[in-house]
Amino acid sequence: RAIQGWIDVKLDHKMILCRNDPVISMLRNMKEPLFVMGVNP
């Protein structure tokens, strides 16, 4: 319930990217689901 719940909301079927990735702004504009990390994923 707790950990899978968090994974389902935050990571499942998301594009997980480093905050420095230049594609983030394009994906945000397209309203694509993202999870942004401070480090390489």
PDB file of all heavy atoms in Angstrom:
ATOM      1  N   ARG A   1       0.836  -1.214   0.000  1.00  0.00           N
ATOM      2  CA  ARG A   1       0.000   0.000   0.000  1.00  0.00           C
ATOM      3  C   ARG A   1       0.868   1.260   0.000  1.00  0.00           C
ATOM      4  O   ARG A   1       0.647   2.177  -0.781  1.00  0.00           O
ATOM      5  CB  ARG A   1      -0.937  -0.011   1.193  1.00  0.00           C
ATOM      6  CG  ARG A   1      -1.929   1.137   1.204  1.00  0.00           C
ATOM      7  CD  ARG A   1      -2.977   1.067   2.301  1.00  0.00           C
ATOM      8  NE  ARG A   1      -2.596   0.393   3.525  1.00  0.00           N
ATOM      9  CZ  ARG A   1      -3.080  -0.798   3.926  1.00  0.00           C
ATOM     10  NH1 ARG A   1      -3.958  -1.447   3.203  1.00  0.00           N
ATOM     11  NH2 ARG A   1      -2.682  -1.323   5.071  1.00  0.00           N
ATOM     12  N   ALA A   2       1.861   1.313   0.854  1.00  0.00           N
ATOM     13  CA  ALA A   2       2.668   2.527   0.995  1.00  0.00           C
ATOM     14  C   ALA A   2       3.706   2.683  -0.117  1.00  0.00           C
ATOM     15  O   ALA A   2       3.723   3.699  -0.812  1.00  0.00           O
ATOM     16  CB  ALA A   2       3.357   2.540   2.358  1.00  0.00           C
ATOM     17  N   ILE A   3       4.565   1.700  -0.276  1.00  0.00           N
ATOM     18  CA  ILE A   3       5.683   1.860  -1.209  1.00  0.00           C
ATOM     19  C   ILE A   3       5.224   1.687  -2.650  1.00  0.00           C
ATOM     20  O   ILE A   3       5.576   2.492  -3.513  1.00  0.00           O
ATOM     21  CB  ILE A   3       6.842   0.910  -0.853  1.00  0.00           C
ATOM     22  CG1 ILE A   3       7.329   1.208   0.571  1.00  0.00           C
ATOM     23  CG2 ILE A   3       7.986   1.075  -1.854  1.00  0.00           C
ATOM     24  CD1 ILE A   3       8.344   0.236   1.105  1.00  0.00           C
ATOM     25  N   GLN A   4       4.426   0.657  -2.922  1.00  0.00           N
ATOM     26  CA  GLN A   4       3.927   0.519  -4.287  1.00  0.00           C
ATOM     27  C   GLN A   4       3.006   1.686  -4.629  1.00  0.00           C
ATOM     28  O   GLN A   4       3.005   2.167  -5.757  1.00  0.00           O
ATOM     29  CB  GLN A   4       3.192  -0.798  -4.502  1.00  0.00           C
ATOM     30  CG  GLN A   4       2.750  -0.975  -5.946  1.00  0.00           C
ATOM     31  CD  GLN A   4       2.199  -2.357  -6.225  1.00  0.00           C
ATOM     32  OE1 GLN A   4       2.460  -3.310  -5.517  1.00  0.00           O
ATOM     33  NE2 GLN A   4       1.422  -2.444  -7.286  1.00  0.00           N
ATOM     34  N   GLY A   5       2.255   2.167  -3.648  1.00  0.00           N
ATOM     35  CA  GLY A   5       1.414   3.341  -3.875  1.00  0.00           C
ATOM     36  C   GLY A   5       2.236   4.531  -4.320  1.00  0.00           C
ATOM     37  O   GLY A   5       1.875   5.240  -5.264  1.00  0.00           O
ATOM     38  N   TRP A   6       3.366   4.762  -3.649  1.00  0.00           N
ATOM     39  CA  TRP A   6       4.253   5.868  -4.025  1.00  0.00           C
ATOM     40  C   TRP A   6       4.835   5.642  -5.415  1.00  0.00           C
ATOM     41  O   TRP A   6       4.861   6.556  -6.246  1.00  0.00           O
ATOM     42  CB  TRP A   6       5.366   6.021  -2.985  1.00  0.00           C
ATOM     43  CG  TRP A   6       6.292   7.158  -3.297  1.00  0.00           C
ATOM     44  CD1 TRP A   6       6.102   8.469  -3.000  1.00  0.00           C
ATOM     45  CD2 TRP A   6       7.541   7.073  -3.985  1.00  0.00           C
ATOM     46  NE1 TRP A   6       7.165   9.213  -3.460  1.00  0.00           N
ATOM     47  CE2 TRP A   6       8.051   8.384  -4.065  1.00  0.00           C
ATOM     48  CE3 TRP A   6       8.270   6.024  -4.540  1.00  0.00           C
ATOM     49  CZ2 TRP A   6       9.276   8.672  -4.688  1.00  0.00           C
ATOM     50  CZ3 TRP A   6       9.479   6.303  -5.148  1.00  0.00           C
ATOM     51  CH2 TRP A   6       9.975   7.614  -5.218  1.00  0.00           C
ATOM     52  N   ILE A   7       5.308   4.424  -5.688  1.00  0.00           N
ATOM     53  CA  ILE A   7       5.870   4.114  -7.008  1.00  0.00           C
ATOM     54  C   ILE A   7       4.815   4.300  -8.095  1.00  0.00           C
ATOM     55  O   ILE A   7       5.097   4.885  -9.152  1.00  0.00           O
ATOM     56  CB  ILE A   7       6.455   2.684  -7.031  1.00  0.00           C
ATOM     57  CG1 ILE A   7       7.746   2.631  -6.199  1.00  0.00           C
ATOM     58  CG2 ILE A   7       6.706   2.209  -8.464  1.00  0.00           C
ATOM     59  CD1 ILE A   7       8.304   1.234  -5.973  1.00  0.00           C
ATOM     60  N   ASP A   8       3.594   3.825  -7.847  1.00  0.00           N
ATOM     61  CA  ASP A   8       2.523   3.967  -8.843  1.00  0.00           C
ATOM     62  C   ASP A   8       2.253   5.428  -9.180  1.00  0.00           C
ATOM     63  O   ASP A   8       2.039   5.780 -10.338  1.00  0.00           O
ATOM     64  CB  ASP A   8       1.232   3.314  -8.350  1.00  0.00           C
ATOM     65  CG  ASP A   8       1.280   1.791  -8.383  1.00  0.00           C
ATOM     66  OD1 ASP A   8       2.224   1.220  -8.978  1.00  0.00           O
ATOM     67  OD2 ASP A   8       0.372   1.171  -7.795  1.00  0.00           O
ATOM     68  N   VAL A   9       2.275   6.297  -8.178  1.00  0.00           N
ATOM     69  CA  VAL A   9       1.984   7.714  -8.400  1.00  0.00           C
ATOM     70  C   VAL A   9       3.184   8.451  -9.005  1.00  0.00           C
ATOM     71  O   VAL A   9       3.030   9.240  -9.937  1.00  0.00           O
ATOM     72  CB  VAL A   9       1.556   8.392  -7.078  1.00  0.00           C
ATOM     73  CG1 VAL A   9       1.507   9.913  -7.213  1.00  0.00           C
ATOM     74  CG2 VAL A   9       0.218   7.856  -6.627  1.00  0.00           C
ATOM     75  N   LYS A  10       4.373   8.200  -8.489  1.00  0.00           N
ATOM     76  CA  LYS A  10       5.546   8.998  -8.860  1.00  0.00           C
ATOM     77  C   LYS A  10       6.349   8.453 -10.044  1.00  0.00           C
ATOM     78  O   LYS A  10       6.892   9.229 -10.824  1.00  0.00           O
ATOM     79  CB  LYS A  10       6.483   9.147  -7.655  1.00  0.00           C
ATOM     80  CG  LYS A  10       5.880   9.882  -6.500  1.00  0.00           C
ATOM     81  CD  LYS A  10       5.634  11.321  -6.850  1.00  0.00           C
ATOM     82  CE  LYS A  10       5.144  12.087  -5.637  1.00  0.00           C
ATOM     83  NZ  LYS A  10       4.997  13.508  -5.917  1.00  0.00           N
ATOM     84  N   LEU A  11       6.476   7.116 -10.166  1.00  0.00           N
ATOM     85  CA  LEU A  11       7.407   6.556 -11.143  1.00  0.00           C
ATOM     86  C   LEU A  11       6.768   5.731 -12.259  1.00  0.00           C
ATOM     87  O   LEU A  11       7.281   5.712 -13.376  1.00  0.00           O
ATOM     88  CB  LEU A  11       8.444   5.674 -10.422  1.00  0.00           C
ATOM     89  CG  LEU A  11       9.246   6.341  -9.309  1.00  0.00           C
ATOM     90  CD1 LEU A  11      10.183   5.326  -8.665  1.00  0.00           C
ATOM     91  CD2 LEU A  11      10.010   7.549  -9.820  1.00  0.00           C
ATOM     92  N   ASP A  12       5.678   5.041 -11.955  1.00  0.00           N
ATOM     93  CA  ASP A  12       5.104   4.124 -12.942  1.00  0.00           C
ATOM     94  C   ASP A  12       4.586   4.871 -14.168  1.00  0.00           C
ATOM     95  O   ASP A  12       3.854   5.854 -14.047  1.00  0.00           O
ATOM     96  CB  ASP A  12       3.963   3.317 -12.308  1.00  0.00           C
ATOM     97  CG  ASP A  12       3.467   2.215 -13.235  1.00  0.00           C
ATOM     98  OD1 ASP A  12       4.301   1.532 -13.858  1.00  0.00           O
ATOM     99  OD2 ASP A  12       2.237   2.045 -13.340  1.00  0.00           O
ATOM    100  N   HIS A  13       5.002   4.408 -15.340  1.00  0.00           N
ATOM    101  CA  HIS A  13       4.624   4.995 -16.625  1.00  0.00           C
ATOM    102  C   HIS A  13       4.998   6.476 -16.715  1.00  0.00           C
ATOM    103  O   HIS A  13       4.283   7.282 -17.299  1.00  0.00           O
ATOM    104  CB  HIS A  13       3.146   4.763 -16.933  1.00  0.00           C
ATOM    105  CG  HIS A  13       2.881   3.366 -17.377  1.00  0.00           C
ATOM    106  ND1 HIS A  13       2.712   2.344 -16.462  1.00  0.00           N
ATOM    107  CD2 HIS A  13       2.804   2.820 -18.608  1.00  0.00           C
ATOM    108  CE1 HIS A  13       2.521   1.213 -17.128  1.00  0.00           C
ATOM    109  NE2 HIS A  13       2.581   1.471 -18.423  1.00  0.00           N
ATOM    110  N   LYS A  14       6.136   6.807 -16.120  1.00  0.00           N
ATOM    111  CA  LYS A  14       6.682   8.163 -16.198  1.00  0.00           C
ATOM    112  C   LYS A  14       8.018   8.116 -16.931  1.00  0.00           C
ATOM    113  O   LYS A  14       8.712   7.099 -16.923  1.00  0.00           O
ATOM    114  CB  LYS A  14       6.935   8.744 -14.802  1.00  0.00           C
ATOM    115  CG  LYS A  14       5.755   8.786 -13.869  1.00  0.00           C
ATOM    116  CD  LYS A  14       4.773   9.847 -14.240  1.00  0.00           C
ATOM    117  CE  LYS A  14       3.718  10.105 -13.197  1.00  0.00           C
ATOM    118  NZ  LYS A  14       2.834   9.019 -12.867  1.00  0.00           N
ATOM    119  N   MET A  15       8.380   9.226 -17.542  1.00  0.00           N
ATOM    120  CA  MET A  15       9.714   9.398 -18.086  1.00  0.00           C
ATOM    121  C   MET A  15      10.539   9.976 -16.945  1.00  0.00           C
ATOM    122  O   MET A  15      10.230  11.055 -16.433  1.00  0.00           O
ATOM    123  CB  MET A  15       9.687  10.346 -19.289  1.00  0.00           C
ATOM    124  CG  MET A  15      11.002  10.469 -20.005  1.00  0.00           C
ATOM    125  SD  MET A  15      11.687   8.929 -20.672  1.00  0.00           S
ATOM    126  CE  MET A  15      10.517   8.541 -21.961  1.00  0.00           C
ATOM    127  N   ILE A  16      11.550   9.238 -16.503  1.00  0.00           N
ATOM    128  CA  ILE A  16      12.385   9.649 -15.373  1.00  0.00           C
ATOM    129  C   ILE A  16      13.675  10.234 -15.941  1.00  0.00           C
ATOM    130  O   ILE A  16      14.428   9.537 -16.626  1.00  0.00           O
ATOM    131  CB  ILE A  16      12.678   8.447 -14.444  1.00  0.00           C
ATOM    132  CG1 ILE A  16      11.361   7.821 -13.974  1.00  0.00           C
ATOM    133  CG2 ILE A  16      13.533   8.896 -13.261  1.00  0.00           C
ATOM    134  CD1 ILE A  16      11.533   6.509 -13.223  1.00  0.00           C
ATOM    135  N   LEU A  17      13.897  11.521 -15.665  1.00  0.00           N
ATOM    136  CA  LEU A  17      15.015  12.225 -16.276  1.00  0.00           C
ATOM    137  C   LEU A  17      15.797  13.032 -15.246  1.00  0.00           C
ATOM    138  O   LEU A  17      15.261  13.427 -14.207  1.00  0.00           O
ATOM    139  CB  LEU A  17      14.501  13.186 -17.360  1.00  0.00           C
ATOM    140  CG  LEU A  17      13.753  12.526 -18.524  1.00  0.00           C
ATOM    141  CD1 LEU A  17      13.076  13.583 -19.383  1.00  0.00           C
ATOM    142  CD2 LEU A  17      14.685  11.657 -19.341  1.00  0.00           C
ATOM    143  N   CYS A  18      17.046  13.306 -15.575  1.00  0.00           N
ATOM    144  CA  CYS A  18      17.884  14.191 -14.773  1.00  0.00           C
ATOM    145  C   CYS A  18      17.419  15.627 -15.000  1.00  0.00           C
ATOM    146  O   CYS A  18      17.059  15.994 -16.128  1.00  0.00           O
ATOM    147  CB  CYS A  18      19.346  14.031 -15.193  1.00  0.00           C
ATOM    148  SG  CYS A  18      20.475  15.146 -14.339  1.00  0.00           S
ATOM    149  N   ARG A  19      17.452  16.441 -13.966  1.00  0.00           N
ATOM    150  CA  ARG A  19      16.959  17.822 -14.073  1.00  0.00           C
ATOM    151  C   ARG A  19      17.681  18.641 -15.140  1.00  0.00           C
ATOM    152  O   ARG A  19      17.180  19.658 -15.595  1.00  0.00           O
ATOM    153  CB  ARG A  19      17.027  18.514 -12.728  1.00  0.00           C
ATOM    154  CG  ARG A  19      18.441  18.811 -12.285  1.00  0.00           C
ATOM    155  CD  ARG A  19      18.475  19.648 -11.016  1.00  0.00           C
ATOM    156  NE  ARG A  19      19.829  19.675 -10.509  1.00  0.00           N
ATOM    157  CZ  ARG A  19      20.182  19.354  -9.291  1.00  0.00           C
ATOM    158  NH1 ARG A  19      19.267  19.013  -8.416  1.00  0.00           N
ATOM    159  NH2 ARG A  19      21.437  19.396  -8.922  1.00  0.00           N
ATOM    160  N   ASN A  20      18.877  18.214 -15.558  1.00  0.00           N
ATOM    161  CA  ASN A  20      19.635  18.923 -16.592  1.00  0.00           C
ATOM    162  C   ASN A  20      19.287  18.478 -18.007  1.00  0.00           C
ATOM    163  O   ASN A  20      19.863  18.986 -18.959  1.00  0.00           O
ATOM    164  CB  ASN A  20      21.137  18.725 -16.369  1.00  0.00           C
ATOM    165  CG  ASN A  20      21.590  19.247 -15.032  1.00  0.00           C
ATOM    166  OD1 ASN A  20      21.029  20.202 -14.504  1.00  0.00           O
ATOM    167  ND2 ASN A  20      22.589  18.615 -14.459  1.00  0.00           N
ATOM    168  N   ASP A  21      18.370  17.552 -18.147  1.00  0.00           N
ATOM    169  CA  ASP A  21      18.049  17.016 -19.470  1.00  0.00           C
ATOM    170  C   ASP A  21      17.288  18.071 -20.283  1.00  0.00           C
ATOM    171  O   ASP A  21      16.240  18.545 -19.857  1.00  0.00           O
ATOM    172  CB  ASP A  21      17.219  15.743 -19.346  1.00  0.00           C
ATOM    173  CG  ASP A  21      17.211  14.939 -20.616  1.00  0.00           C
ATOM    174  OD1 ASP A  21      16.969  15.521 -21.688  1.00  0.00           O
ATOM    175  OD2 ASP A  21      17.454  13.723 -20.546  1.00  0.00           O
ATOM    176  N   PRO A  22      17.791  18.421 -21.459  1.00  0.00           N
ATOM    177  CA  PRO A  22      17.135  19.462 -22.260  1.00  0.00           C
ATOM    178  C   PRO A  22      15.759  19.058 -22.819  1.00  0.00           C
ATOM    179  O   PRO A  22      14.994  19.930 -23.230  1.00  0.00           O
ATOM    180  CB  PRO A  22      18.124  19.727 -23.398  1.00  0.00           C
ATOM    181  CG  PRO A  22      19.004  18.532 -23.448  1.00  0.00           C
ATOM    182  CD  PRO A  22      19.033  17.954 -22.066  1.00  0.00           C
ATOM    183  N   VAL A  23      15.420  17.804 -22.793  1.00  0.00           N
ATOM    184  CA  VAL A  23      14.130  17.371 -23.332  1.00  0.00           C
ATOM    185  C   VAL A  23      12.974  17.625 -22.352  1.00  0.00           C
ATOM    186  O   VAL A  23      11.809  17.561 -22.733  1.00  0.00           O
ATOM    187  CB  VAL A  23      14.201  15.882 -23.765  1.00  0.00           C
ATOM    188  CG1 VAL A  23      14.101  14.949 -22.576  1.00  0.00           C
ATOM    189  CG2 VAL A  23      13.135  15.550 -24.781  1.00  0.00           C
ATOM    190  N   ILE A  24      13.283  17.946 -21.108  1.00  0.00           N
ATOM    191  CA  ILE A  24      12.247  18.136 -20.090  1.00  0.00           C
ATOM    192  C   ILE A  24      11.242  19.211 -20.491  1.00  0.00           C
ATOM    193  O   ILE A  24      10.031  19.006 -20.378  1.00  0.00           O
ATOM    194  CB  ILE A  24      12.872  18.440 -18.711  1.00  0.00           C
ATOM    195  CG1 ILE A  24      13.569  17.183 -18.161  1.00  0.00           C
ATOM    196  CG2 ILE A  24      11.819  18.941 -17.726  1.00  0.00           C
ATOM    197  CD1 ILE A  24      14.361  17.417 -16.886  1.00  0.00           C
ATOM    198  N   SER A  25      11.714  20.347 -20.945  1.00  0.00           N
ATOM    199  CA  SER A  25      10.778  21.433 -21.277  1.00  0.00           C
ATOM    200  C   SER A  25       9.826  21.028 -22.400  1.00  0.00           C
ATOM    201  O   SER A  25       8.632  21.335 -22.340  1.00  0.00           O
ATOM    202  CB  SER A  25      11.529  22.721 -21.628  1.00  0.00           C
ATOM    203  OG  SER A  25      12.354  22.510 -22.751  1.00  0.00           O
ATOM    204  N   MET A  26      10.320  20.324 -23.389  1.00  0.00           N
ATOM    205  CA  MET A  26       9.459  19.866 -24.483  1.00  0.00           C
ATOM    206  C   MET A  26       8.411  18.881 -23.957  1.00  0.00           C
ATOM    207  O   MET A  26       7.226  18.991 -24.285  1.00  0.00           O
ATOM    208  CB  MET A  26      10.279  19.192 -25.584  1.00  0.00           C
ATOM    209  CG  MET A  26       9.427  18.694 -26.740  1.00  0.00           C
ATOM    210  SD  MET A  26      10.354  17.729 -27.935  1.00  0.00           S
ATOM    211  CE  MET A  26      10.663  16.252 -27.007  1.00  0.00           C
ATOM    212  N   LEU A  27       8.828  17.928 -23.121  1.00  0.00           N
ATOM    213  CA  LEU A  27       7.890  16.951 -22.587  1.00  0.00           C
ATOM    214  C   LEU A  27       6.862  17.620 -21.672  1.00  0.00           C
ATOM    215  O   LEU A  27       5.688  17.238 -21.677  1.00  0.00           O
ATOM    216  CB  LEU A  27       8.635  15.839 -21.855  1.00  0.00           C
ATOM    217  CG  LEU A  27       9.480  14.918 -22.754  1.00  0.00           C
ATOM    218  CD1 LEU A  27      10.295  13.955 -21.902  1.00  0.00           C
ATOM    219  CD2 LEU A  27       8.616  14.180 -23.735  1.00  0.00           C
ATOM    220  N   ARG A  28       7.287  18.610 -20.909  1.00  0.00           N
ATOM    221  CA  ARG A  28       6.327  19.348 -20.061  1.00  0.00           C
ATOM    222  C   ARG A  28       5.307  20.085 -20.914  1.00  0.00           C
ATOM    223  O   ARG A  28       4.121  20.110 -20.593  1.00  0.00           O
ATOM    224  CB  ARG A  28       7.057  20.319 -19.144  1.00  0.00           C
ATOM    225  CG  ARG A  28       7.649  19.636 -17.939  1.00  0.00           C
ATOM    226  CD  ARG A  28       8.154  20.629 -16.912  1.00  0.00           C
ATOM    227  NE  ARG A  28       8.555  19.922 -15.710  1.00  0.00           N
ATOM    228  CZ  ARG A  28       9.635  20.200 -14.997  1.00  0.00           C
ATOM    229  NH1 ARG A  28      10.422  21.201 -15.340  1.00  0.00           N
ATOM    230  NH2 ARG A  28       9.917  19.497 -13.928  1.00  0.00           N
ATOM    231  N   ASN A  29       5.777  20.708 -22.000  1.00  0.00           N
ATOM    232  CA  ASN A  29       4.861  21.408 -22.907  1.00  0.00           C
ATOM    233  C   ASN A  29       3.847  20.449 -23.521  1.00  0.00           C
ATOM    234  O   ASN A  29       2.714  20.842 -23.806  1.00  0.00           O
ATOM    235  CB  ASN A  29       5.633  22.127 -24.014  1.00  0.00           C
ATOM    236  CG  ASN A  29       6.362  23.350 -23.500  1.00  0.00           C
ATOM    237  OD1 ASN A  29       6.027  23.901 -22.455  1.00  0.00           O
ATOM    238  ND2 ASN A  29       7.380  23.772 -24.228  1.00  0.00           N
ATOM    239  N   MET A  30       4.254  19.213 -23.717  1.00  0.00           N
ATOM    240  CA  MET A  30       3.363  18.193 -24.289  1.00  0.00           C
ATOM    241  C   MET A  30       2.508  17.534 -23.213  1.00  0.00           C
ATOM    242  O   MET A  30       1.723  16.646 -23.498  1.00  0.00           O
ATOM    243  CB  MET A  30       4.200  17.135 -25.028  1.00  0.00           C
ATOM    244  CG  MET A  30       4.941  17.672 -26.232  1.00  0.00           C
ATOM    245  SD  MET A  30       6.087  16.450 -26.930  1.00  0.00           S
ATOM    246  CE  MET A  30       4.963  15.166 -27.407  1.00  0.00           C
ATOM    247  N   LYS A  31       2.709  17.959 -21.948  1.00  0.00           N
ATOM    248  CA  LYS A  31       1.984  17.402 -20.798  1.00  0.00           C
ATOM    249  C   LYS A  31       2.235  15.897 -20.623  1.00  0.00           C
ATOM    250  O   LYS A  31       1.364  15.144 -20.203  1.00  0.00           O
ATOM    251  CB  LYS A  31       0.497  17.709 -20.883  1.00  0.00           C
ATOM    252  CG  LYS A  31       0.226  19.213 -20.928  1.00  0.00           C
ATOM    253  CD  LYS A  31      -1.165  19.546 -20.602  1.00  0.00           C
ATOM    254  CE  LYS A  31      -1.523  21.004 -20.675  1.00  0.00           C
ATOM    255  NZ  LYS A  31      -0.566  21.996 -20.458  1.00  0.00           N
ATOM    256  N   GLU A  32       3.450  15.487 -20.948  1.00  0.00           N
ATOM    257  CA  GLU A  32       3.859  14.103 -20.757  1.00  0.00           C
ATOM    258  C   GLU A  32       4.216  13.881 -19.286  1.00  0.00           C
ATOM    259  O   GLU A  32       4.757  14.775 -18.635  1.00  0.00           O
ATOM    260  CB  GLU A  32       5.065  13.764 -21.637  1.00  0.00           C
ATOM    261  CG  GLU A  32       4.744  13.684 -23.112  1.00  0.00           C
ATOM    262  CD  GLU A  32       3.836  12.520 -23.456  1.00  0.00           C
ATOM    263  OE1 GLU A  32       3.937  11.449 -22.805  1.00  0.00           O
ATOM    264  OE2 GLU A  32       3.008  12.674 -24.370  1.00  0.00           O
ATOM    265  N   PRO A  33       3.922  12.700 -18.742  1.00  0.00           N
ATOM    266  CA  PRO A  33       4.221  12.431 -17.335  1.00  0.00           C
ATOM    267  C   PRO A  33       5.722  12.272 -17.090  1.00  0.00           C
ATOM    268  O   PRO A  33       6.377  11.473 -17.750  1.00  0.00           O
ATOM    269  CB  PRO A  33       3.464  11.138 -17.045  1.00  0.00           C
ATOM    270  CG  PRO A  33       3.233  10.506 -18.369  1.00  0.00           C
ATOM    271  CD  PRO A  33       3.215  11.600 -19.391  1.00  0.00           C
ATOM    272  N   LEU A  34       6.232  13.051 -16.146  1.00  0.00           N
ATOM    273  CA  LEU A  34       7.668  13.083 -15.848  1.00  0.00           C
ATOM    274  C   LEU A  34       7.924  12.900 -14.362  1.00  0.00           C
ATOM    275  O   LEU A  34       7.098  13.263 -13.529  1.00  0.00           O
ATOM    276  CB  LEU A  34       8.263  14.447 -16.206  1.00  0.00           C
ATOM    277  CG  LEU A  34       8.326  14.883 -17.647  1.00  0.00           C
ATOM    278  CD1 LEU A  34       8.754  16.339 -17.714  1.00  0.00           C
ATOM    279  CD2 LEU A  34       9.294  14.021 -18.410  1.00  0.00           C
ATOM    280  N   PHE A  35       9.107  12.379 -14.064  1.00  0.00           N
ATOM    281  CA  PHE A  35       9.659  12.441 -12.721  1.00  0.00           C
ATOM    282  C   PHE A  35      11.078  12.940 -12.914  1.00  0.00           C
ATOM    283  O   PHE A  35      11.869  12.325 -13.641  1.00  0.00           O
ATOM    284  CB  PHE A  35       9.661  11.079 -12.025  1.00  0.00           C
ATOM    285  CG  PHE A  35      10.153  11.163 -10.608  1.00  0.00           C
ATOM    286  CD1 PHE A  35       9.274  11.441  -9.574  1.00  0.00           C
ATOM    287  CD2 PHE A  35      11.493  10.995 -10.311  1.00  0.00           C
ATOM    288  CE1 PHE A  35       9.715  11.548  -8.265  1.00  0.00           C
ATOM    289  CE2 PHE A  35      11.954  11.091  -9.012  1.00  0.00           C
ATOM    290  CZ  PHE A  35      11.062  11.371  -7.984  1.00  0.00           C
ATOM    291  N   VAL A  36      11.416  14.062 -12.301  1.00  0.00           N
ATOM    292  CA  VAL A  36      12.720  14.680 -12.494  1.00  0.00           C
ATOM    293  C   VAL A  36      13.574  14.454 -11.249  1.00  0.00           C
ATOM    294  O   VAL A  36      13.132  14.703 -10.127  1.00  0.00           O
ATOM    295  CB  VAL A  36      12.570  16.189 -12.792  1.00  0.00           C
ATOM    296  CG1 VAL A  36      13.928  16.847 -12.944  1.00  0.00           C
ATOM    297  CG2 VAL A  36      11.728  16.392 -14.059  1.00  0.00           C
ATOM    298  N   MET A  37      14.785  13.971 -11.490  1.00  0.00           N
ATOM    299  CA  MET A  37      15.737  13.693 -10.419  1.00  0.00           C
ATOM    300  C   MET A  37      16.898  14.684 -10.475  1.00  0.00           C
ATOM    301  O   MET A  37      17.178  15.247 -11.540  1.00  0.00           O
ATOM    302  CB  MET A  37      16.298  12.268 -10.573  1.00  0.00           C
ATOM    303  CG  MET A  37      15.270  11.175 -10.476  1.00  0.00           C
ATOM    304  SD  MET A  37      15.989   9.514 -10.693  1.00  0.00           S
ATOM    305  CE  MET A  37      17.074   9.399  -9.266  1.00  0.00           C
ATOM    306  N   GLY A  38      17.586  14.841  -9.380  1.00  0.00           N
ATOM    307  CA  GLY A  38      18.769  15.697  -9.341  1.00  0.00           C
ATOM    308  C   GLY A  38      20.004  15.030  -9.926  1.00  0.00           C
ATOM    309  O   GLY A  38      21.019  15.687 -10.128  1.00  0.00           O
ATOM    310  N   VAL A  39      19.907  13.734 -10.182  1.00  0.00           N
ATOM    311  CA  VAL A  39      21.032  12.956 -10.705  1.00  0.00           C
ATOM    312  C   VAL A  39      20.562  12.143 -11.915  1.00  0.00           C
ATOM    313  O   VAL A  39      19.365  12.054 -12.178  1.00  0.00           O
ATOM    314  CB  VAL A  39      21.600  12.000  -9.628  1.00  0.00           C
ATOM    315  CG1 VAL A  39      22.228  12.789  -8.486  1.00  0.00           C
ATOM    316  CG2 VAL A  39      20.508  11.082  -9.097  1.00  0.00           C
ATOM    317  N   ASN A  40      21.508  11.563 -12.612  1.00  0.00           N
ATOM    318  CA  ASN A  40      21.180  10.696 -13.738  1.00  0.00           C
ATOM    319  C   ASN A  40      20.298   9.533 -13.261  1.00  0.00           C
ATOM    320  O   ASN A  40      20.587   8.932 -12.224  1.00  0.00           O
ATOM    321  CB  ASN A  40      22.470  10.135 -14.343  1.00  0.00           C
ATOM    322  CG  ASN A  40      22.634  10.447 -15.810  1.00  0.00           C
ATOM    323  OD1 ASN A  40      21.779  11.055 -16.438  1.00  0.00           O
ATOM    324  ND2 ASN A  40      23.757  10.025 -16.359  1.00  0.00           N
ATOM    325  N   PRO A  41      19.240   9.203 -13.979  1.00  0.00           N
ATOM    326  CA  PRO A  41      18.324   8.144 -13.541  1.00  0.00           C
ATOM    327  C   PRO A  41      18.848   6.735 -13.864  1.00  0.00           C
ATOM    328  O   PRO A  41      18.217   5.950 -14.568  1.00  0.00           O
ATOM    329  CB  PRO A  41      17.037   8.465 -14.296  1.00  0.00           C
ATOM    330  CG  PRO A  41      17.512   9.107 -15.561  1.00  0.00           C
ATOM    331  CD  PRO A  41      18.727   9.898 -15.173  1.00  0.00           C
TER     332      PRO A  41
END
